[in-house]
Amino acid sequence: MTPVNLFPMCDACQLAKGTKVGDAAFPRFFIHPYFDVFVAERVVYLKIEAPFEAPAFSLEIADHLEPADAGLIRKHIRELAIHLRYATYFRNQYRRLLRLAHAMRSSGQDIRQTLETFRVGAADPSLNAWEHVFYASVLENDDLIEYLSTAQLPPLL
């Protein structure tokens, strides 16, 4: 056992990882946060698609990655079934976002500015932390910001 084959992960990911190992064709399935320096930058984006009353979510790999790094990210997401596990997380975050937007509008707060504060706070410990990915992706979606700022929001859940 060496540091190179120990992958620090949350408990849920560690459970999904189990004893999976690569083979000759694909020697690695998982990102290593200490040795894969490309993860210092954001490597996934959340695509949030209208209708914003009931949006669709999908994870996208960052365009700036080298092909081998993008391939490793895809394997990591596939092997840990991240898209399945985080669908619930993003839906819950979105419901929370709607409640927050309602409260911000009621108190006269600027939606974009307040969400930017949330994004900055969520960047610690990582730009790839799910909360940061969520808020950054919301802020990058001008149509969604317009919806949150001006549209009739659905009844609070």
C-alpha atoms as a PDB file:
ATOM      1  CA  MET A   1       0.000   0.000   0.000  1.00  0.00           C
ATOM      2  CA  THR A   2       1.408   3.381  -1.023  1.00  0.00           C
ATOM      3  CA  PRO A   3       0.039   6.970  -1.007  1.00  0.00           C
ATOM      4  CA  VAL A   4      -0.484   6.710  -4.766  1.00  0.00           C
ATOM      5  CA  ASN A   5      -3.124   3.988  -4.385  1.00  0.00           C
ATOM      6  CA  LEU A   6      -4.930   5.536  -1.405  1.00  0.00           C
ATOM      7  CA  PHE A   7      -7.706   7.854  -2.569  1.00  0.00           C
ATOM      8  CA  PRO A   8      -9.149  10.241   0.006  1.00  0.00           C
ATOM      9  CA  MET A   9     -12.927  10.408  -0.548  1.00  0.00           C
ATOM     10  CA  CYS A  10     -16.097  11.029   1.383  1.00  0.00           C
ATOM     11  CA  ASP A  11     -17.671   7.979   3.006  1.00  0.00           C
ATOM     12  CA  ALA A  12     -20.312   7.561   0.271  1.00  0.00           C
ATOM     13  CA  CYS A  13     -17.680   7.647  -2.493  1.00  0.00           C
ATOM     14  CA  GLN A  14     -15.375   5.328  -0.568  1.00  0.00           C
ATOM     15  CA  LEU A  15     -18.242   2.842  -0.258  1.00  0.00           C
ATOM     16  CA  ALA A  16     -18.990   3.095  -3.996  1.00  0.00           C
ATOM     17  CA  LYS A  17     -15.274   2.734  -4.797  1.00  0.00           C
ATOM     18  CA  GLY A  18     -14.898  -0.390  -2.682  1.00  0.00           C
ATOM     19  CA  THR A  19     -11.983  -2.419  -4.022  1.00  0.00           C
ATOM     20  CA  LYS A  20     -12.268  -1.332  -7.663  1.00  0.00           C
ATOM     21  CA  VAL A  21      -8.947  -1.167  -9.435  1.00  0.00           C
ATOM     22  CA  GLY A  22      -7.968  -0.484 -13.016  1.00  0.00           C
ATOM     23  CA  ASP A  23      -6.573  -2.799 -15.616  1.00  0.00           C
ATOM     24  CA  ALA A  24      -4.009  -2.565 -18.430  1.00  0.00           C
ATOM     25  CA  ALA A  25      -6.398  -0.584 -20.657  1.00  0.00           C
ATOM     26  CA  PHE A  26      -7.531   1.787 -17.891  1.00  0.00           C
ATOM     27  CA  PRO A  27      -5.012   1.759 -15.042  1.00  0.00           C
ATOM     28  CA  ARG A  28      -6.912   4.393 -13.043  1.00  0.00           C
ATOM     29  CA  PHE A  29     -10.566   5.022 -12.353  1.00  0.00           C
ATOM     30  CA  PHE A  30     -10.330   7.737  -9.735  1.00  0.00           C
ATOM     31  CA  ILE A  31      -9.074  11.274  -9.327  1.00  0.00           C
ATOM     32  CA  HIS A  32      -6.415  11.658  -6.669  1.00  0.00           C
ATOM     33  CA  PRO A  33      -6.687  15.103  -5.068  1.00  0.00           C
ATOM     34  CA  TYR A  34      -3.023  15.135  -4.011  1.00  0.00           C
ATOM     35  CA  PHE A  35      -1.432  13.906  -7.218  1.00  0.00           C
ATOM     36  CA  ASP A  36      -3.803  15.131  -9.946  1.00  0.00           C
ATOM     37  CA  VAL A  37      -2.871  18.805 -10.005  1.00  0.00           C
ATOM     38  CA  PHE A  38      -5.488  19.636 -12.653  1.00  0.00           C
ATOM     39  CA  VAL A  39      -8.208  19.394  -9.959  1.00  0.00           C
ATOM     40  CA  ALA A  40      -6.998  22.691  -8.507  1.00  0.00           C
ATOM     41  CA  GLU A  41      -9.283  24.181 -11.180  1.00  0.00           C
ATOM     42  CA  ARG A  42     -12.964  23.428 -11.622  1.00  0.00           C
ATOM     43  CA  VAL A  43     -13.356  20.190 -13.594  1.00  0.00           C
ATOM     44  CA  VAL A  44     -17.155  19.774 -13.727  1.00  0.00           C
ATOM     45  CA  TYR A  45     -20.030  22.089 -14.469  1.00  0.00           C
ATOM     46  CA  LEU A  46     -23.680  21.627 -13.693  1.00  0.00           C
ATOM     47  CA  LYS A  47     -25.951  22.348 -16.623  1.00  0.00           C
ATOM     48  CA  ILE A  48     -29.332  23.628 -15.417  1.00  0.00           C
ATOM     49  CA  GLU A  49     -31.912  23.644 -18.198  1.00  0.00           C
ATOM     50  CA  ALA A  50     -35.334  25.292 -18.411  1.00  0.00           C
ATOM     51  CA  PRO A  51     -38.135  25.101 -17.651  1.00  0.00           C
ATOM     52  CA  PHE A  52     -36.893  26.540 -14.366  1.00  0.00           C
ATOM     53  CA  GLU A  53     -40.086  25.500 -12.557  1.00  0.00           C
ATOM     54  CA  ALA A  54     -38.840  21.904 -12.983  1.00  0.00           C
ATOM     55  CA  PRO A  55     -35.307  22.049 -14.420  1.00  0.00           C
ATOM     56  CA  ALA A  56     -33.172  19.259 -15.808  1.00  0.00           C
ATOM     57  CA  PHE A  57     -29.649  18.824 -14.419  1.00  0.00           C
ATOM     58  CA  SER A  58     -26.593  17.267 -16.028  1.00  0.00           C
ATOM     59  CA  LEU A  59     -22.913  17.226 -15.131  1.00  0.00           C
ATOM     60  CA  GLU A  60     -20.556  18.398 -17.857  1.00  0.00           C
ATOM     61  CA  ILE A  61     -16.781  17.941 -18.010  1.00  0.00           C
ATOM     62  CA  ALA A  62     -14.792  21.187 -18.263  1.00  0.00           C
ATOM     63  CA  ASP A  63     -13.625  22.050 -21.789  1.00  0.00           C
ATOM     64  CA  HIS A  64     -10.180  23.217 -20.678  1.00  0.00           C
ATOM     65  CA  LEU A  65      -9.021  19.746 -19.571  1.00  0.00           C
ATOM     66  CA  GLU A  66      -6.503  17.655 -21.461  1.00  0.00           C
ATOM     67  CA  PRO A  67      -8.169  14.602 -23.079  1.00  0.00           C
ATOM     68  CA  ALA A  68      -6.547  12.154 -20.639  1.00  0.00           C
ATOM     69  CA  ASP A  69      -7.664  14.241 -17.633  1.00  0.00           C
ATOM     70  CA  ALA A  70     -11.203  14.559 -19.035  1.00  0.00           C
ATOM     71  CA  GLY A  71     -11.244  10.779 -19.510  1.00  0.00           C
ATOM     72  CA  LEU A  72     -10.216  10.248 -15.900  1.00  0.00           C
ATOM     73  CA  ILE A  73     -13.001  12.588 -14.736  1.00  0.00           C
ATOM     74  CA  ARG A  74     -15.534  10.605 -16.819  1.00  0.00           C
ATOM     75  CA  LYS A  75     -14.297   7.318 -15.305  1.00  0.00           C
ATOM     76  CA  HIS A  76     -14.409   8.795 -11.804  1.00  0.00           C
ATOM     77  CA  ILE A  77     -18.015   9.961 -12.294  1.00  0.00           C
ATOM     78  CA  ARG A  78     -19.045   6.633 -13.861  1.00  0.00           C
ATOM     79  CA  GLU A  79     -17.329   4.334 -11.350  1.00  0.00           C
ATOM     80  CA  LEU A  80     -18.679   6.232  -8.347  1.00  0.00           C
ATOM     81  CA  ALA A  81     -22.159   6.633  -9.899  1.00  0.00           C
ATOM     82  CA  ILE A  82     -21.943  10.324  -9.076  1.00  0.00           C
ATOM     83  CA  HIS A  83     -24.618  11.328 -11.579  1.00  0.00           C
ATOM     84  CA  LEU A  84     -27.141   9.096  -9.771  1.00  0.00           C
ATOM     85  CA  ARG A  85     -26.214  10.069  -6.233  1.00  0.00           C
ATOM     86  CA  TYR A  86     -25.991  13.786  -6.851  1.00  0.00           C
ATOM     87  CA  ALA A  87     -29.247  14.107  -8.799  1.00  0.00           C
ATOM     88  CA  THR A  88     -31.049  14.192  -5.442  1.00  0.00           C
ATOM     89  CA  TYR A  89     -28.498  16.619  -4.022  1.00  0.00           C
ATOM     90  CA  PHE A  90     -28.914  19.086  -6.903  1.00  0.00           C
ATOM     91  CA  ARG A  91     -32.733  18.848  -6.803  1.00  0.00           C
ATOM     92  CA  ASN A  92     -32.674  19.599  -3.067  1.00  0.00           C
ATOM     93  CA  GLN A  93     -30.226  22.464  -3.575  1.00  0.00           C
ATOM     94  CA  TYR A  94     -32.473  23.867  -6.286  1.00  0.00           C
ATOM     95  CA  ARG A  95     -35.542  23.796  -4.016  1.00  0.00           C
ATOM     96  CA  ARG A  96     -33.462  25.562  -1.377  1.00  0.00           C
ATOM     97  CA  LEU A  97     -32.347  28.092  -4.019  1.00  0.00           C
ATOM     98  CA  LEU A  98     -35.982  28.890  -4.859  1.00  0.00           C
ATOM     99  CA  ARG A  99     -36.763  29.474  -1.175  1.00  0.00           C
ATOM    100  CA  LEU A 100     -33.643  31.654  -0.831  1.00  0.00           C
ATOM    101  CA  ALA A 101     -34.538  33.665  -3.943  1.00  0.00           C
ATOM    102  CA  HIS A 102     -38.009  34.282  -2.563  1.00  0.00           C
ATOM    103  CA  ALA A 103     -36.552  35.483   0.760  1.00  0.00           C
ATOM    104  CA  MET A 104     -33.937  37.663  -1.002  1.00  0.00           C
ATOM    105  CA  ARG A 105     -36.552  39.308  -3.172  1.00  0.00           C
ATOM    106  CA  SER A 106     -38.824  39.879  -0.158  1.00  0.00           C
ATOM    107  CA  SER A 107     -36.016  41.663   1.697  1.00  0.00           C
ATOM    108  CA  GLY A 108     -34.769  43.649  -1.327  1.00  0.00           C
ATOM    109  CA  GLN A 109     -31.438  41.810  -1.681  1.00  0.00           C
ATOM    110  CA  ASP A 110     -29.697  41.553  -5.032  1.00  0.00           C
ATOM    111  CA  ILE A 111     -29.975  37.894  -6.088  1.00  0.00           C
ATOM    112  CA  ARG A 112     -26.750  37.716  -8.104  1.00  0.00           C
ATOM    113  CA  GLN A 113     -24.684  39.513  -5.459  1.00  0.00           C
ATOM    114  CA  THR A 114     -25.989  37.357  -2.621  1.00  0.00           C
ATOM    115  CA  LEU A 115     -25.474  34.121  -4.562  1.00  0.00           C
ATOM    116  CA  GLU A 116     -21.938  35.252  -5.385  1.00  0.00           C
ATOM    117  CA  THR A 117     -21.282  35.441  -1.636  1.00  0.00           C
ATOM    118  CA  PHE A 118     -22.569  31.872  -1.279  1.00  0.00           C
ATOM    119  CA  ARG A 119     -20.354  30.748  -4.191  1.00  0.00           C
ATOM    120  CA  VAL A 120     -17.240  32.297  -2.667  1.00  0.00           C
ATOM    121  CA  GLY A 121     -17.972  30.660   0.693  1.00  0.00           C
ATOM    122  CA  ALA A 122     -18.493  27.270  -0.947  1.00  0.00           C
ATOM    123  CA  ALA A 123     -15.127  27.425  -2.769  1.00  0.00           C
ATOM    124  CA  ASP A 124     -13.456  26.249   0.429  1.00  0.00           C
ATOM    125  CA  PRO A 125     -12.283  23.478   0.474  1.00  0.00           C
ATOM    126  CA  SER A 126     -12.368  23.174  -3.327  1.00  0.00           C
ATOM    127  CA  LEU A 127     -13.720  24.663  -6.545  1.00  0.00           C
ATOM    128  CA  ASN A 128     -14.993  21.128  -7.178  1.00  0.00           C
ATOM    129  CA  ALA A 129     -16.993  20.931  -3.940  1.00  0.00           C
ATOM    130  CA  TRP A 130     -20.589  20.185  -4.931  1.00  0.00           C
ATOM    131  CA  GLU A 131     -21.980  23.307  -3.276  1.00  0.00           C
ATOM    132  CA  HIS A 132     -19.503  25.472  -5.190  1.00  0.00           C
ATOM    133  CA  VAL A 133     -20.256  23.671  -8.465  1.00  0.00           C
ATOM    134  CA  PHE A 134     -23.954  24.345  -7.846  1.00  0.00           C
ATOM    135  CA  TYR A 135     -23.689  28.074  -7.051  1.00  0.00           C
ATOM    136  CA  ALA A 136     -21.091  28.743  -9.756  1.00  0.00           C
ATOM    137  CA  SER A 137     -23.320  27.030 -12.313  1.00  0.00           C
ATOM    138  CA  VAL A 138     -26.368  29.022 -11.188  1.00  0.00           C
ATOM    139  CA  LEU A 139     -24.405  32.272 -11.522  1.00  0.00           C
ATOM    140  CA  GLU A 140     -23.172  31.334 -15.006  1.00  0.00           C
ATOM    141  CA  ASN A 141     -26.755  30.854 -16.205  1.00  0.00           C
ATOM    142  CA  ASP A 142     -28.095  34.339 -17.015  1.00  0.00           C
ATOM    143  CA  ASP A 143     -31.554  33.012 -17.892  1.00  0.00           C
ATOM    144  CA  LEU A 144     -31.796  31.323 -14.497  1.00  0.00           C
ATOM    145  CA  ILE A 145     -30.661  34.474 -12.678  1.00  0.00           C
ATOM    146  CA  GLU A 146     -33.310  36.442 -14.580  1.00  0.00           C
ATOM    147  CA  TYR A 147     -35.916  33.842 -13.591  1.00  0.00           C
ATOM    148  CA  LEU A 148     -34.871  33.963  -9.927  1.00  0.00           C
ATOM    149  CA  SER A 149     -34.872  37.767  -9.955  1.00  0.00           C
ATOM    150  CA  THR A 150     -38.084  38.571 -11.806  1.00  0.00           C
ATOM    151  CA  ALA A 151     -40.309  35.559 -12.581  1.00  0.00           C
ATOM    152  CA  GLN A 152     -43.238  34.272 -10.592  1.00  0.00           C
ATOM    153  CA  LEU A 153     -41.551  31.615  -8.441  1.00  0.00           C
ATOM    154  CA  PRO A 154     -43.419  28.383  -7.713  1.00  0.00           C
ATOM    155  CA  PRO A 155     -45.007  27.993  -4.294  1.00  0.00           C
ATOM    156  CA  LEU A 156     -42.394  27.244  -1.670  1.00  0.00           C
ATOM    157  CA  LEU A 157     -41.911  23.575  -0.914  1.00  0.00           C
END
